[in-house]
């Protein structure tokens, strides 16, 4: 996983932009993904994380 993927998921979860350079760590804890920034710790279920990335990629594809 890249910091870009983590930033996309964190941004979608928080409803505001989280830039990749502010991601300090990403840790998998059980069935959750924990994204750590200097301001917060964002806990997202793994399935929701995957859905965020899939939805973001779908939005990029022009059909």
N, C-alpha and C. Protein backbone atom coordinates (compact mmCIF):
# COMPACT_ATOMS: atom_id res chain seq x y z
N UNK A 1 0.84 -1.17 0.00
CA UNK A 1 0.00 0.00 0.00
C UNK A 1 0.89 1.24 0.00
N UNK A 2 0.47 2.21 -0.75
CA UNK A 2 1.23 3.45 -0.83
C UNK A 2 0.57 4.52 0.03
N UNK A 3 1.30 5.59 0.29
CA UNK A 3 0.72 6.68 1.05
C UNK A 3 -0.40 7.36 0.26
N UNK A 4 -0.36 7.24 -1.06
CA UNK A 4 -1.43 7.81 -1.88
C UNK A 4 -2.73 7.07 -1.63
N UNK A 5 -2.69 5.75 -1.59
CA UNK A 5 -3.89 4.97 -1.30
C UNK A 5 -4.43 5.30 0.09
N UNK A 6 -3.53 5.41 1.06
CA UNK A 6 -3.94 5.75 2.42
C UNK A 6 -4.56 7.15 2.46
N UNK A 7 -3.98 8.08 1.72
CA UNK A 7 -4.50 9.46 1.70
C UNK A 7 -5.89 9.50 1.05
N UNK A 8 -6.09 8.72 0.01
CA UNK A 8 -7.41 8.66 -0.65
C UNK A 8 -8.45 8.14 0.34
N UNK A 9 -8.15 7.04 0.99
CA UNK A 9 -9.10 6.45 1.93
C UNK A 9 -9.35 7.38 3.12
N UNK A 10 -8.30 7.98 3.65
CA UNK A 10 -8.45 8.90 4.78
C UNK A 10 -9.28 10.11 4.38
N UNK A 11 -9.05 10.63 3.19
CA UNK A 11 -9.81 11.78 2.71
C UNK A 11 -11.28 11.45 2.57
N UNK A 12 -11.58 10.28 2.04
CA UNK A 12 -12.97 9.88 1.87
C UNK A 12 -13.63 9.63 3.23
N UNK A 13 -12.90 9.09 4.16
CA UNK A 13 -13.45 8.82 5.49
C UNK A 13 -13.73 10.11 6.26
N UNK A 14 -12.79 11.06 6.19
CA UNK A 14 -12.93 12.31 6.94
C UNK A 14 -13.77 13.36 6.23
N UNK A 15 -13.89 13.25 4.91
CA UNK A 15 -14.63 14.24 4.15
C UNK A 15 -13.84 15.51 3.89
N UNK A 16 -12.54 15.43 4.01
CA UNK A 16 -11.64 16.55 3.69
C UNK A 16 -10.34 15.98 3.16
N UNK A 17 -9.57 16.80 2.51
CA UNK A 17 -8.35 16.32 1.87
C UNK A 17 -7.27 16.03 2.90
N UNK A 18 -6.69 14.84 2.79
CA UNK A 18 -5.52 14.46 3.57
C UNK A 18 -4.41 14.21 2.55
N UNK A 19 -3.36 14.99 2.60
CA UNK A 19 -2.27 14.85 1.63
C UNK A 19 -1.36 13.70 2.00
N UNK A 20 -0.84 12.98 0.99
CA UNK A 20 0.02 11.82 1.26
C UNK A 20 1.23 12.13 2.13
N UNK A 21 1.78 13.35 2.01
CA UNK A 21 2.97 13.67 2.80
C UNK A 21 2.67 13.79 4.30
N UNK A 22 1.38 13.86 4.67
CA UNK A 22 1.02 13.94 6.09
C UNK A 22 0.74 12.58 6.70
N UNK A 23 0.78 11.53 5.88
CA UNK A 23 0.59 10.17 6.40
C UNK A 23 1.89 9.74 7.06
N UNK A 24 1.82 9.45 8.36
CA UNK A 24 3.02 9.05 9.09
C UNK A 24 3.18 7.53 9.11
N UNK A 25 2.06 6.81 9.19
CA UNK A 25 2.12 5.35 9.21
C UNK A 25 0.76 4.78 8.85
N UNK A 26 0.81 3.56 8.33
CA UNK A 26 -0.41 2.79 8.07
C UNK A 26 -0.18 1.41 8.65
N UNK A 27 -1.10 1.00 9.53
CA UNK A 27 -0.94 -0.26 10.24
C UNK A 27 -2.22 -1.06 10.11
N UNK A 28 -2.06 -2.35 9.86
CA UNK A 28 -3.24 -3.22 9.84
C UNK A 28 -3.37 -3.84 11.23
N UNK A 29 -4.55 -3.65 11.83
CA UNK A 29 -4.82 -4.19 13.16
C UNK A 29 -6.09 -5.03 13.06
N UNK A 30 -5.93 -6.32 13.08
CA UNK A 30 -7.09 -7.21 12.92
C UNK A 30 -7.73 -7.00 11.56
N UNK A 31 -9.01 -6.66 11.57
CA UNK A 31 -9.76 -6.42 10.33
C UNK A 31 -9.83 -4.95 9.97
N UNK A 32 -8.99 -4.13 10.57
CA UNK A 32 -9.03 -2.69 10.34
C UNK A 32 -7.70 -2.18 9.79
N UNK A 33 -7.77 -1.07 9.08
CA UNK A 33 -6.59 -0.34 8.63
C UNK A 33 -6.54 0.94 9.46
N UNK A 34 -5.42 1.19 10.13
CA UNK A 34 -5.24 2.41 10.93
C UNK A 34 -4.28 3.32 10.18
N UNK A 35 -4.75 4.52 9.87
CA UNK A 35 -3.94 5.51 9.17
C UNK A 35 -3.60 6.59 10.19
N UNK A 36 -2.31 6.80 10.41
CA UNK A 36 -1.86 7.73 11.44
C UNK A 36 -1.29 8.98 10.77
N UNK A 37 -1.85 10.13 11.16
CA UNK A 37 -1.35 11.43 10.71
C UNK A 37 -0.93 12.20 11.95
N UNK A 38 -0.38 13.38 11.76
CA UNK A 38 0.01 14.18 12.91
C UNK A 38 -1.20 14.71 13.67
N UNK A 39 -2.36 14.75 13.02
CA UNK A 39 -3.57 15.28 13.64
C UNK A 39 -4.52 14.22 14.16
N UNK A 40 -4.46 13.01 13.61
CA UNK A 40 -5.48 12.02 13.98
C UNK A 40 -5.02 10.59 13.69
N UNK A 41 -5.79 9.68 14.23
CA UNK A 41 -5.67 8.26 13.91
C UNK A 41 -7.01 7.86 13.31
N UNK A 42 -6.99 7.41 12.07
CA UNK A 42 -8.21 7.06 11.36
C UNK A 42 -8.28 5.54 11.26
N UNK A 43 -9.35 4.96 11.77
CA UNK A 43 -9.52 3.51 11.74
C UNK A 43 -10.63 3.20 10.75
N UNK A 44 -10.29 2.40 9.74
CA UNK A 44 -11.24 2.06 8.68
C UNK A 44 -11.25 0.54 8.54
N UNK A 45 -12.44 -0.08 8.51
CA UNK A 45 -12.50 -1.51 8.24
C UNK A 45 -11.85 -1.81 6.88
N UNK A 46 -11.16 -2.93 6.78
CA UNK A 46 -10.45 -3.30 5.55
C UNK A 46 -11.37 -3.30 4.34
N UNK A 47 -12.58 -3.81 4.50
CA UNK A 47 -13.52 -3.85 3.37
C UNK A 47 -13.89 -2.44 2.92
N UNK A 48 -14.11 -1.53 3.86
CA UNK A 48 -14.43 -0.14 3.51
C UNK A 48 -13.24 0.51 2.81
N UNK A 49 -12.03 0.22 3.29
CA UNK A 49 -10.82 0.76 2.66
C UNK A 49 -10.76 0.33 1.19
N UNK A 50 -10.99 -0.95 0.94
CA UNK A 50 -10.97 -1.46 -0.43
C UNK A 50 -12.06 -0.82 -1.27
N UNK A 51 -13.23 -0.61 -0.69
CA UNK A 51 -14.33 0.03 -1.41
C UNK A 51 -13.99 1.48 -1.76
N UNK A 52 -13.35 2.20 -0.84
CA UNK A 52 -12.95 3.58 -1.12
C UNK A 52 -12.01 3.64 -2.32
N UNK A 53 -11.02 2.75 -2.34
CA UNK A 53 -10.05 2.75 -3.45
C UNK A 53 -10.74 2.37 -4.75
N UNK A 54 -11.59 1.36 -4.71
CA UNK A 54 -12.32 0.94 -5.91
C UNK A 54 -13.23 2.06 -6.44
N UNK A 55 -13.96 2.71 -5.54
CA UNK A 55 -14.85 3.82 -5.94
C UNK A 55 -14.04 4.96 -6.55
N UNK A 56 -12.90 5.27 -5.95
CA UNK A 56 -12.05 6.36 -6.45
C UNK A 56 -11.54 6.03 -7.85
N UNK A 57 -11.11 4.78 -8.06
CA UNK A 57 -10.62 4.38 -9.37
C UNK A 57 -11.74 4.40 -10.40
N UNK A 58 -12.93 3.95 -10.00
CA UNK A 58 -14.08 3.99 -10.91
C UNK A 58 -14.40 5.41 -11.33
N UNK A 59 -14.26 6.36 -10.42
CA UNK A 59 -14.54 7.77 -10.74
C UNK A 59 -13.54 8.32 -11.75
N UNK A 60 -12.33 7.77 -11.80
CA UNK A 60 -11.31 8.22 -12.74
C UNK A 60 -11.55 7.73 -14.15
N UNK A 61 -12.20 6.60 -14.26
CA UNK A 61 -12.40 5.98 -15.57
C UNK A 61 -13.59 6.65 -16.26
N UNK A 62 -13.34 7.20 -17.43
CA UNK A 62 -14.40 7.83 -18.21
C UNK A 62 -14.98 6.76 -19.11
N UNK A 63 -16.25 6.55 -18.96
CA UNK A 63 -16.89 5.49 -19.78
C UNK A 63 -17.58 6.09 -20.95
